[in-house]
Amino acid sequence: MALLEIRPNCENCGKALPNGSDHAMICSFECTFCDQCVHEILHNVCPNCGGGFVPRPVRPSALLEKYPPGTVPHIAPVDMTKFAKLLEKNRNIPPNER
């Protein structure tokens, strides 16, 4: 069974996003960003793959001991100069049509 890593932070700003956070958003490759970065900076365009974001599911507390969330921080602030072209191309196209 493949499991989500449940990454612990926003890749862009570093905000903590523990399991259960209402602010965690992921793309289909599990790139993880906070909702503020997704809406205000990325405009629902993943800077890594160009896909859209959905709220990250929460791992049930009864399974956390057996399947703990990720603990290794992954911070790679978005280079807005490099991202600009991808954003321009996809910003006004719904994720399911990209």
PDB file of N, CA and C in Angstrom:
ATOM      1  N   MET A   1       0.844  -1.177   0.000  1.00  0.00           N
ATOM      2  CA  MET A   1       0.000   0.000   0.000  1.00  0.00           C
ATOM      3  C   MET A   1       0.892   1.244   0.000  1.00  0.00           C
ATOM      4  N   ALA A   2       0.626   2.137  -0.928  1.00  0.00           N
ATOM      5  CA  ALA A   2       1.369   3.401  -0.980  1.00  0.00           C
ATOM      6  C   ALA A   2       0.681   4.416  -0.077  1.00  0.00           C
ATOM      7  N   LEU A   3       1.470   5.117   0.711  1.00  0.00           N
ATOM      8  CA  LEU A   3       0.933   6.099   1.641  1.00  0.00           C
ATOM      9  C   LEU A   3       1.447   7.486   1.313  1.00  0.00           C
ATOM     10  N   LEU A   4       0.640   8.484   1.606  1.00  0.00           N
ATOM     11  CA  LEU A   4       1.131   9.850   1.528  1.00  0.00           C
ATOM     12  C   LEU A   4       2.202  10.026   2.588  1.00  0.00           C
ATOM     13  N   GLU A   5       3.214  10.786   2.254  1.00  0.00           N
ATOM     14  CA  GLU A   5       4.287  11.055   3.204  1.00  0.00           C
ATOM     15  C   GLU A   5       3.809  11.959   4.343  1.00  0.00           C
ATOM     16  N   ILE A   6       2.813  12.779   4.102  1.00  0.00           N
ATOM     17  CA  ILE A   6       2.333  13.798   5.058  1.00  0.00           C
ATOM     18  C   ILE A   6       3.529  14.676   5.457  1.00  0.00           C
ATOM     19  N   ARG A   7       4.033  15.406   4.470  1.00  0.00           N
ATOM     20  CA  ARG A   7       5.203  16.263   4.686  1.00  0.00           C
ATOM     21  C   ARG A   7       4.900  17.324   5.738  1.00  0.00           C
ATOM     22  N   PRO A   8       5.909  17.676   6.543  1.00  0.00           N
ATOM     23  CA  PRO A   8       5.669  18.501   7.725  1.00  0.00           C
ATOM     24  C   PRO A   8       5.611  20.007   7.540  1.00  0.00           C
ATOM     25  N   ASN A   9       5.832  20.500   6.311  1.00  0.00           N
ATOM     26  CA  ASN A   9       5.902  21.951   6.166  1.00  0.00           C
ATOM     27  C   ASN A   9       5.576  22.388   4.739  1.00  0.00           C
ATOM     28  N   CYS A  10       5.351  23.690   4.600  1.00  0.00           N
ATOM     29  CA  CYS A  10       5.147  24.301   3.280  1.00  0.00           C
ATOM     30  C   CYS A  10       6.509  24.391   2.598  1.00  0.00           C
ATOM     31  N   GLU A  11       6.570  23.924   1.366  1.00  0.00           N
ATOM     32  CA  GLU A  11       7.831  23.968   0.622  1.00  0.00           C
ATOM     33  C   GLU A  11       8.290  25.389   0.348  1.00  0.00           C
ATOM     34  N   ASN A  12       7.367  26.325   0.260  1.00  0.00           N
ATOM     35  CA  ASN A  12       7.737  27.701  -0.080  1.00  0.00           C
ATOM     36  C   ASN A  12       8.120  28.528   1.140  1.00  0.00           C
ATOM     37  N   CYS A  13       7.227  28.638   2.107  1.00  0.00           N
ATOM     38  CA  CYS A  13       7.474  29.541   3.246  1.00  0.00           C
ATOM     39  C   CYS A  13       7.955  28.841   4.504  1.00  0.00           C
ATOM     40  N   GLY A  14       7.879  27.507   4.533  1.00  0.00           N
ATOM     41  CA  GLY A  14       8.357  26.760   5.688  1.00  0.00           C
ATOM     42  C   GLY A  14       7.343  26.598   6.806  1.00  0.00           C
ATOM     43  N   LYS A  15       6.135  27.136   6.649  1.00  0.00           N
ATOM     44  CA  LYS A  15       5.103  27.031   7.685  1.00  0.00           C
ATOM     45  C   LYS A  15       4.886  25.570   8.071  1.00  0.00           C
ATOM     46  N   ALA A  16       4.779  25.302   9.364  1.00  0.00           N
ATOM     47  CA  ALA A  16       4.524  23.948   9.854  1.00  0.00           C
ATOM     48  C   ALA A  16       3.139  23.484   9.405  1.00  0.00           C
ATOM     49  N   LEU A  17       3.095  22.271   8.853  1.00  0.00           N
ATOM     50  CA  LEU A  17       1.834  21.675   8.390  1.00  0.00           C
ATOM     51  C   LEU A  17       1.743  20.244   8.919  1.00  0.00           C
ATOM     52  N   PRO A  18       1.551  20.098  10.214  1.00  0.00           N
ATOM     53  CA  PRO A  18       1.478  18.755  10.785  1.00  0.00           C
ATOM     54  C   PRO A  18       0.235  18.009  10.313  1.00  0.00           C
ATOM     55  N   ASN A  19       0.234  16.711  10.503  1.00  0.00           N
ATOM     56  CA  ASN A  19      -0.970  15.931  10.209  1.00  0.00           C
ATOM     57  C   ASN A  19      -2.139  16.589  10.941  1.00  0.00           C
ATOM     58  N   GLY A  20      -3.236  16.746  10.258  1.00  0.00           N
ATOM     59  CA  GLY A  20      -4.399  17.391  10.870  1.00  0.00           C
ATOM     60  C   GLY A  20      -4.509  18.861  10.544  1.00  0.00           C
ATOM     61  N   SER A  21      -3.494  19.450   9.926  1.00  0.00           N
ATOM     62  CA  SER A  21      -3.546  20.870   9.589  1.00  0.00           C
ATOM     63  C   SER A  21      -4.628  21.131   8.538  1.00  0.00           C
ATOM     64  N   ASP A  22      -5.410  22.171   8.769  1.00  0.00           N
ATOM     65  CA  ASP A  22      -6.423  22.599   7.806  1.00  0.00           C
ATOM     66  C   ASP A  22      -5.812  23.450   6.700  1.00  0.00           C
ATOM     67  N   HIS A  23      -4.521  23.730   6.786  1.00  0.00           N
ATOM     68  CA  HIS A  23      -3.873  24.634   5.846  1.00  0.00           C
ATOM     69  C   HIS A  23      -2.999  23.924   4.815  1.00  0.00           C
ATOM     70  N   ALA A  24      -2.870  22.603   4.886  1.00  0.00           N
ATOM     71  CA  ALA A  24      -2.003  21.852   3.975  1.00  0.00           C
ATOM     72  C   ALA A  24      -2.700  21.562   2.656  1.00  0.00           C
ATOM     73  N   MET A  25      -2.004  21.846   1.561  1.00  0.00           N
ATOM     74  CA  MET A  25      -2.503  21.590   0.214  1.00  0.00           C
ATOM     75  C   MET A  25      -1.446  20.750  -0.513  1.00  0.00           C
ATOM     76  N   ILE A  26      -1.899  19.818  -1.370  1.00  0.00           N
ATOM     77  CA  ILE A  26      -0.963  18.992  -2.134  1.00  0.00           C
ATOM     78  C   ILE A  26      -1.396  18.912  -3.594  1.00  0.00           C
ATOM     79  N   CYS A  27      -0.415  18.636  -4.461  1.00  0.00           N
ATOM     80  CA  CYS A  27      -0.721  18.351  -5.862  1.00  0.00           C
ATOM     81  C   CYS A  27      -0.694  16.830  -6.012  1.00  0.00           C
ATOM     82  N   SER A  28      -0.872  16.334  -7.220  1.00  0.00           N
ATOM     83  CA  SER A  28      -0.934  14.883  -7.414  1.00  0.00           C
ATOM     84  C   SER A  28       0.406  14.195  -7.172  1.00  0.00           C
ATOM     85  N   PHE A  29       1.496  14.969  -7.097  1.00  0.00           N
ATOM     86  CA  PHE A  29       2.808  14.397  -6.794  1.00  0.00           C
ATOM     87  C   PHE A  29       3.184  14.612  -5.334  1.00  0.00           C
ATOM     88  N   GLU A  30       2.258  15.107  -4.542  1.00  0.00           N
ATOM     89  CA  GLU A  30       2.404  15.378  -3.120  1.00  0.00           C
ATOM     90  C   GLU A  30       3.321  16.556  -2.809  1.00  0.00           C
ATOM     91  N   CYS A  31       3.526  17.444  -3.780  1.00  0.00           N
ATOM     92  CA  CYS A  31       4.192  18.700  -3.467  1.00  0.00           C
ATOM     93  C   CYS A  31       3.294  19.362  -2.422  1.00  0.00           C
ATOM     94  N   THR A  32       3.869  19.886  -1.364  1.00  0.00           N
ATOM     95  CA  THR A  32       3.089  20.361  -0.230  1.00  0.00           C
ATOM     96  C   THR A  32       3.326  21.842   0.019  1.00  0.00           C
ATOM     97  N   PHE A  33       2.233  22.588   0.047  1.00  0.00           N
ATOM     98  CA  PHE A  33       2.289  24.025   0.288  1.00  0.00           C
ATOM     99  C   PHE A  33       1.144  24.410   1.221  1.00  0.00           C
ATOM    100  N   CYS A  34       1.297  25.527   1.922  1.00  0.00           N
ATOM    101  CA  CYS A  34       0.201  26.013   2.767  1.00  0.00           C
ATOM    102  C   CYS A  34      -0.836  26.675   1.871  1.00  0.00           C
ATOM    103  N   ASP A  35      -2.056  26.764   2.366  1.00  0.00           N
ATOM    104  CA  ASP A  35      -3.138  27.346   1.575  1.00  0.00           C
ATOM    105  C   ASP A  35      -2.869  28.805   1.215  1.00  0.00           C
ATOM    106  N   GLN A  36      -2.201  29.539   2.088  1.00  0.00           N
ATOM    107  CA  GLN A  36      -1.902  30.940   1.798  1.00  0.00           C
ATOM    108  C   GLN A  36      -0.969  31.053   0.585  1.00  0.00           C
ATOM    109  N   CYS A  37       0.097  30.248   0.537  1.00  0.00           N
ATOM    110  CA  CYS A  37       0.996  30.279  -0.622  1.00  0.00           C
ATOM    111  C   CYS A  37       0.275  29.813  -1.889  1.00  0.00           C
ATOM    112  N   VAL A  38      -0.553  28.772  -1.764  1.00  0.00           N
ATOM    113  CA  VAL A  38      -1.281  28.250  -2.928  1.00  0.00           C
ATOM    114  C   VAL A  38      -2.174  29.332  -3.538  1.00  0.00           C
ATOM    115  N   HIS A  39      -2.897  30.048  -2.694  1.00  0.00           N
ATOM    116  CA  HIS A  39      -3.863  31.021  -3.203  1.00  0.00           C
ATOM    117  C   HIS A  39      -3.251  32.382  -3.540  1.00  0.00           C
ATOM    118  N   GLU A  40      -2.321  32.858  -2.726  1.00  0.00           N
ATOM    119  CA  GLU A  40      -1.812  34.214  -2.903  1.00  0.00           C
ATOM    120  C   GLU A  40      -0.561  34.312  -3.772  1.00  0.00           C
ATOM    121  N   ILE A  41       0.230  33.253  -3.843  1.00  0.00           N
ATOM    122  CA  ILE A  41       1.484  33.301  -4.592  1.00  0.00           C
ATOM    123  C   ILE A  41       1.444  32.392  -5.820  1.00  0.00           C
ATOM    124  N   LEU A  42       0.980  31.166  -5.631  1.00  0.00           N
ATOM    125  CA  LEU A  42       1.017  30.172  -6.708  1.00  0.00           C
ATOM    126  C   LEU A  42      -0.236  30.180  -7.578  1.00  0.00           C
ATOM    127  N   HIS A  43      -1.315  30.764  -7.093  1.00  0.00           N
ATOM    128  CA  HIS A  43      -2.577  30.854  -7.837  1.00  0.00           C
ATOM    129  C   HIS A  43      -3.038  29.486  -8.340  1.00  0.00           C
ATOM    130  N   ASN A  44      -2.904  28.489  -7.458  1.00  0.00           N
ATOM    131  CA  ASN A  44      -3.334  27.105  -7.715  1.00  0.00           C
ATOM    132  C   ASN A  44      -2.583  26.447  -8.874  1.00  0.00           C
ATOM    133  N   VAL A  45      -1.321  26.847  -9.070  1.00  0.00           N
ATOM    134  CA  VAL A  45      -0.467  26.219 -10.080  1.00  0.00           C
ATOM    135  C   VAL A  45       0.771  25.699  -9.356  1.00  0.00           C
ATOM    136  N   CYS A  46       0.970  24.383  -9.368  1.00  0.00           N
ATOM    137  CA  CYS A  46       2.141  23.814  -8.710  1.00  0.00           C
ATOM    138  C   CYS A  46       3.399  24.248  -9.470  1.00  0.00           C
ATOM    139  N   PRO A  47       4.377  24.834  -8.771  1.00  0.00           N
ATOM    140  CA  PRO A  47       5.587  25.295  -9.449  1.00  0.00           C
ATOM    141  C   PRO A  47       6.487  24.151  -9.913  1.00  0.00           C
ATOM    142  N   ASN A  48       6.206  22.951  -9.455  1.00  0.00           N
ATOM    143  CA  ASN A  48       7.023  21.791  -9.815  1.00  0.00           C
ATOM    144  C   ASN A  48       6.459  21.024 -11.011  1.00  0.00           C
ATOM    145  N   CYS A  49       5.127  20.895 -11.089  1.00  0.00           N
ATOM    146  CA  CYS A  49       4.538  20.074 -12.160  1.00  0.00           C
ATOM    147  C   CYS A  49       3.478  20.809 -12.988  1.00  0.00           C
ATOM    148  N   GLY A  50       3.014  21.969 -12.525  1.00  0.00           N
ATOM    149  CA  GLY A  50       1.991  22.711 -13.244  1.00  0.00           C
ATOM    150  C   GLY A  50       0.572  22.293 -12.919  1.00  0.00           C
ATOM    151  N   GLY A  51       0.401  21.293 -12.070  1.00  0.00           N
ATOM    152  CA  GLY A  51      -0.924  20.827 -11.681  1.00  0.00           C
ATOM    153  C   GLY A  51      -1.577  21.746 -10.663  1.00  0.00           C
ATOM    154  N   GLY A  52      -2.771  21.374 -10.243  1.00  0.00           N
ATOM    155  CA  GLY A  52      -3.495  22.133  -9.232  1.00  0.00           C
ATOM    156  C   GLY A  52      -3.346  21.500  -7.866  1.00  0.00           C
ATOM    157  N   PHE A  53      -3.964  22.109  -6.873  1.00  0.00           N
ATOM    158  CA  PHE A  53      -3.869  21.649  -5.492  1.00  0.00           C
ATOM    159  C   PHE A  53      -5.228  21.268  -4.925  1.00  0.00           C
ATOM    160  N   VAL A  54      -5.206  20.369  -3.972  1.00  0.00           N
ATOM    161  CA  VAL A  54      -6.378  19.974  -3.195  1.00  0.00           C
ATOM    162  C   VAL A  54      -5.972  19.935  -1.729  1.00  0.00           C
ATOM    163  N   PRO A  55      -6.937  20.045  -0.814  1.00  0.00           N
ATOM    164  CA  PRO A  55      -6.594  19.915   0.597  1.00  0.00           C
ATOM    165  C   PRO A  55      -5.971  18.537   0.871  1.00  0.00           C
ATOM    166  N   ARG A  56      -4.908  18.526   1.667  1.00  0.00           N
ATOM    167  CA  ARG A  56      -4.264  17.253   1.998  1.00  0.00           C
ATOM    168  C   ARG A  56      -5.132  16.481   2.987  1.00  0.00           C
ATOM    169  N   PRO A  57      -5.338  15.179   2.742  1.00  0.00           N
ATOM    170  CA  PRO A  57      -6.111  14.385   3.702  1.00  0.00           C
ATOM    171  C   PRO A  57      -5.371  14.247   5.028  1.00  0.00           C
ATOM    172  N   VAL A  58      -6.129  13.915   6.040  1.00  0.00           N
ATOM    173  CA  VAL A  58      -5.573  13.715   7.377  1.00  0.00           C
ATOM    174  C   VAL A  58      -5.455  12.221   7.644  1.00  0.00           C
ATOM    175  N   ARG A  59      -4.304  11.795   8.129  1.00  0.00           N
ATOM    176  CA  ARG A  59      -4.141  10.393   8.511  1.00  0.00           C
ATOM    177  C   ARG A  59      -4.856  10.176   9.849  1.00  0.00           C
ATOM    178  N   PRO A  60      -5.713   9.175   9.948  1.00  0.00           N
ATOM    179  CA  PRO A  60      -6.434   8.920  11.191  1.00  0.00           C
ATOM    180  C   PRO A  60      -5.478   8.706  12.369  1.00  0.00           C
ATOM    181  N   SER A  61      -5.820   9.271  13.503  1.00  0.00           N
ATOM    182  CA  SER A  61      -4.944   9.202  14.677  1.00  0.00           C
ATOM    183  C   SER A  61      -4.653   7.765  15.106  1.00  0.00           C
ATOM    184  N   ALA A  62      -5.581   6.853  14.874  1.00  0.00           N
ATOM    185  CA  ALA A  62      -5.370   5.452  15.258  1.00  0.00           C
ATOM    186  C   ALA A  62      -4.253   4.796  14.436  1.00  0.00           C
ATOM    187  N   LEU A  63      -3.889   5.397  13.296  1.00  0.00           N
ATOM    188  CA  LEU A  63      -2.859   4.821  12.431  1.00  0.00           C
ATOM    189  C   LEU A  63      -1.528   5.566  12.482  1.00  0.00           C
ATOM    190  N   LEU A  64      -1.453   6.640  13.263  1.00  0.00           N
ATOM    191  CA  LEU A  64      -0.245   7.448  13.293  1.00  0.00           C
ATOM    192  C   LEU A  64       0.970   6.707  13.852  1.00  0.00           C
ATOM    193  N   GLU A  65       0.764   5.853  14.817  1.00  0.00           N
ATOM    194  CA  GLU A  65       1.905   5.123  15.379  1.00  0.00           C
ATOM    195  C   GLU A  65       2.471   4.142  14.356  1.00  0.00           C
ATOM    196  N   LYS A  66       1.610   3.423  13.671  1.00  0.00           N
ATOM    197  CA  LYS A  66       2.053   2.445  12.681  1.00  0.00           C
ATOM    198  C   LYS A  66       2.548   3.128  11.404  1.00  0.00           C
ATOM    199  N   TYR A  67       1.918   4.224  11.026  1.00  0.00           N
ATOM    200  CA  TYR A  67       2.259   4.950   9.803  1.00  0.00           C
ATOM    201  C   TYR A  67       2.480   6.431  10.138  1.00  0.00           C
ATOM    202  N   PRO A  68       3.605   6.767  10.740  1.00  0.00           N
ATOM    203  CA  PRO A  68       3.833   8.160  11.158  1.00  0.00           C
ATOM    204  C   PRO A  68       4.008   9.099   9.963  1.00  0.00           C
ATOM    205  N   PRO A  69       3.627  10.354  10.143  1.00  0.00           N
ATOM    206  CA  PRO A  69       3.827  11.335   9.079  1.00  0.00           C
ATOM    207  C   PRO A  69       5.315  11.641   8.913  1.00  0.00           C
ATOM    208  N   GLY A  70       5.655  12.249   7.773  1.00  0.00           N
ATOM    209  CA  GLY A  70       7.040  12.622   7.514  1.00  0.00           C
ATOM    210  C   GLY A  70       7.553  13.623   8.533  1.00  0.00           C
ATOM    211  N   THR A  71       8.853  13.596   8.761  1.00  0.00           N
ATOM    212  CA  THR A  71       9.463  14.515   9.722  1.00  0.00           C
ATOM    213  C   THR A  71      10.581  15.349   9.115  1.00  0.00           C
ATOM    214  N   VAL A  72      11.013  15.010   7.916  1.00  0.00           N
ATOM    215  CA  VAL A  72      12.109  15.731   7.281  1.00  0.00           C
ATOM    216  C   VAL A  72      11.569  16.965   6.563  1.00  0.00           C
ATOM    217  N   PRO A  73      11.962  18.146   7.003  1.00  0.00           N
ATOM    218  CA  PRO A  73      11.491  19.369   6.347  1.00  0.00           C
ATOM    219  C   PRO A  73      11.987  19.438   4.906  1.00  0.00           C
ATOM    220  N   HIS A  74      11.144  19.937   4.026  1.00  0.00           N
ATOM    221  CA  HIS A  74      11.514  20.154   2.634  1.00  0.00           C
ATOM    222  C   HIS A  74      11.144  21.591   2.310  1.00  0.00           C
ATOM    223  N   ILE A  75      12.158  22.451   2.286  1.00  0.00           N
ATOM    224  CA  ILE A  75      11.915  23.856   1.995  1.00  0.00           C
ATOM    225  C   ILE A  75      12.707  24.224   0.739  1.00  0.00           C
ATOM    226  N   ALA A  76      11.978  24.636  -0.283  1.00  0.00           N
ATOM    227  CA  ALA A  76      12.569  25.061  -1.551  1.00  0.00           C
ATOM    228  C   ALA A  76      11.747  26.238  -2.053  1.00  0.00           C
ATOM    229  N   PRO A  77      12.006  27.448  -1.513  1.00  0.00           N
ATOM    230  CA  PRO A  77      11.204  28.602  -1.918  1.00  0.00           C
ATOM    231  C   PRO A  77      11.117  28.728  -3.435  1.00  0.00           C
ATOM    232  N   VAL A  78       9.943  29.086  -3.891  1.00  0.00           N
ATOM    233  CA  VAL A  78       9.675  29.197  -5.317  1.00  0.00           C
ATOM    234  C   VAL A  78      10.472  30.366  -5.899  1.00  0.00           C
ATOM    235  N   ASP A  79      11.211  30.088  -6.954  1.00  0.00           N
ATOM    236  CA  ASP A  79      11.914  31.126  -7.696  1.00  0.00           C
ATOM    237  C   ASP A  79      10.884  31.734  -8.645  1.00  0.00           C
ATOM    238  N   MET A  80      10.373  32.896  -8.277  1.00  0.00           N
ATOM    239  CA  MET A  80       9.282  33.493  -9.031  1.00  0.00           C
ATOM    240  C   MET A  80       9.684  33.849 -10.466  1.00  0.00           C
ATOM    241  N   THR A  81      10.944  34.103 -10.707  1.00  0.00           N
ATOM    242  CA  THR A  81      11.393  34.389 -12.071  1.00  0.00           C
ATOM    243  C   THR A  81      11.237  33.152 -12.941  1.00  0.00           C
ATOM    244  N   LYS A  82      11.654  32.001 -12.424  1.00  0.00           N
ATOM    245  CA  LYS A  82      11.533  30.748 -13.172  1.00  0.00           C
ATOM    246  C   LYS A  82      10.070  30.299 -13.264  1.00  0.00           C
ATOM    247  N   PHE A  83       9.299  30.556 -12.217  1.00  0.00           N
ATOM    248  CA  PHE A  83       7.899  30.124 -12.148  1.00  0.00           C
ATOM    249  C   PHE A  83       6.974  30.965 -13.026  1.00  0.00           C
ATOM    250  N   ALA A  84       7.365  32.181 -13.351  1.00  0.00           N
ATOM    251  CA  ALA A  84       6.487  33.129 -14.060  1.00  0.00           C
ATOM    252  C   ALA A  84       5.926  32.557 -15.355  1.00  0.00           C
ATOM    253  N   LYS A  85       6.730  31.886 -16.148  1.00  0.00           N
ATOM    254  CA  LYS A  85       6.278  31.350 -17.432  1.00  0.00           C
ATOM    255  C   LYS A  85       5.238  30.242 -17.230  1.00  0.00           C
ATOM    256  N   LEU A  86       5.498  29.336 -16.294  1.00  0.00           N
ATOM    257  CA  LEU A  86       4.554  28.250 -15.998  1.00  0.00           C
ATOM    258  C   LEU A  86       3.252  28.815 -15.446  1.00  0.00           C
ATOM    259  N   LEU A  87       3.357  29.816 -14.576  1.00  0.00           N
ATOM    260  CA  LEU A  87       2.173  30.446 -14.004  1.00  0.00           C
ATOM    261  C   LEU A  87       1.345  31.124 -15.103  1.00  0.00           C
ATOM    262  N   GLU A  88       1.991  31.875 -15.957  1.00  0.00           N
ATOM    263  CA  GLU A  88       1.290  32.569 -17.038  1.00  0.00           C
ATOM    264  C   GLU A  88       0.551  31.582 -17.939  1.00  0.00           C
ATOM    265  N   LYS A  89       1.195  30.460 -18.231  1.00  0.00           N
ATOM    266  CA  LYS A  89       0.614  29.438 -19.113  1.00  0.00           C
ATOM    267  C   LYS A  89      -0.618  28.776 -18.488  1.00  0.00           C
ATOM    268  N   ASN A  90      -0.606  28.558 -17.177  1.00  0.00           N
ATOM    269  CA  ASN A  90      -1.634  27.740 -16.526  1.00  0.00           C
ATOM    270  C   ASN A  90      -2.607  28.471 -15.614  1.00  0.00           C
ATOM    271  N   ARG A  91      -2.336  29.684 -15.267  1.00  0.00           N
ATOM    272  CA  ARG A  91      -3.125  30.396 -14.251  1.00  0.00           C
ATOM    273  C   ARG A  91      -4.617  30.435 -14.539  1.00  0.00           C
ATOM    274  N   ASN A  92      -5.004  30.598 -15.780  1.00  0.00           N
ATOM    275  CA  ASN A  92      -6.422  30.728 -16.121  1.00  0.00           C
ATOM    276  C   ASN A  92      -7.024  29.472 -16.711  1.00  0.00           C
ATOM    277  N   ILE A  93      -6.326  28.350 -16.580  1.00  0.00           N
ATOM    278  CA  ILE A  93      -6.832  27.075 -17.057  1.00  0.00           C
ATOM    279  C   ILE A  93      -7.154  26.200 -15.845  1.00  0.00           C
ATOM    280  N   PRO A  94      -8.364  25.693 -15.733  1.00  0.00           N
ATOM    281  CA  PRO A  94      -8.694  24.831 -14.595  1.00  0.00           C
ATOM    282  C   PRO A  94      -7.738  23.636 -14.536  1.00  0.00           C
ATOM    283  N   PRO A  95      -7.334  23.201 -13.337  1.00  0.00           N
ATOM    284  CA  PRO A  95      -6.376  22.098 -13.207  1.00  0.00           C
ATOM    285  C   PRO A  95      -6.753  20.853 -13.988  1.00  0.00           C
ATOM    286  N   ASN A  96      -8.037  20.508 -14.075  1.00  0.00           N
ATOM    287  CA  ASN A  96      -8.432  19.304 -14.787  1.00  0.00           C
ATOM    288  C   ASN A  96      -8.341  19.438 -16.313  1.00  0.00           C
ATOM    289  N   GLU A  97      -8.011  20.628 -16.789  1.00  0.00           N
ATOM    290  CA  GLU A  97      -7.869  20.856 -18.237  1.00  0.00           C
ATOM    291  C   GLU A  97      -6.432  21.176 -18.644  1.00  0.00           C
ATOM    292  N   ARG A  98      -5.484  21.144 -17.687  1.00  0.00           N
ATOM    293  CA  ARG A  98      -4.089  21.469 -18.014  1.00  0.00           C
ATOM    294  C   ARG A  98      -3.406  20.325 -18.704  1.00  0.00           C
TER     295      ARG A  98
END
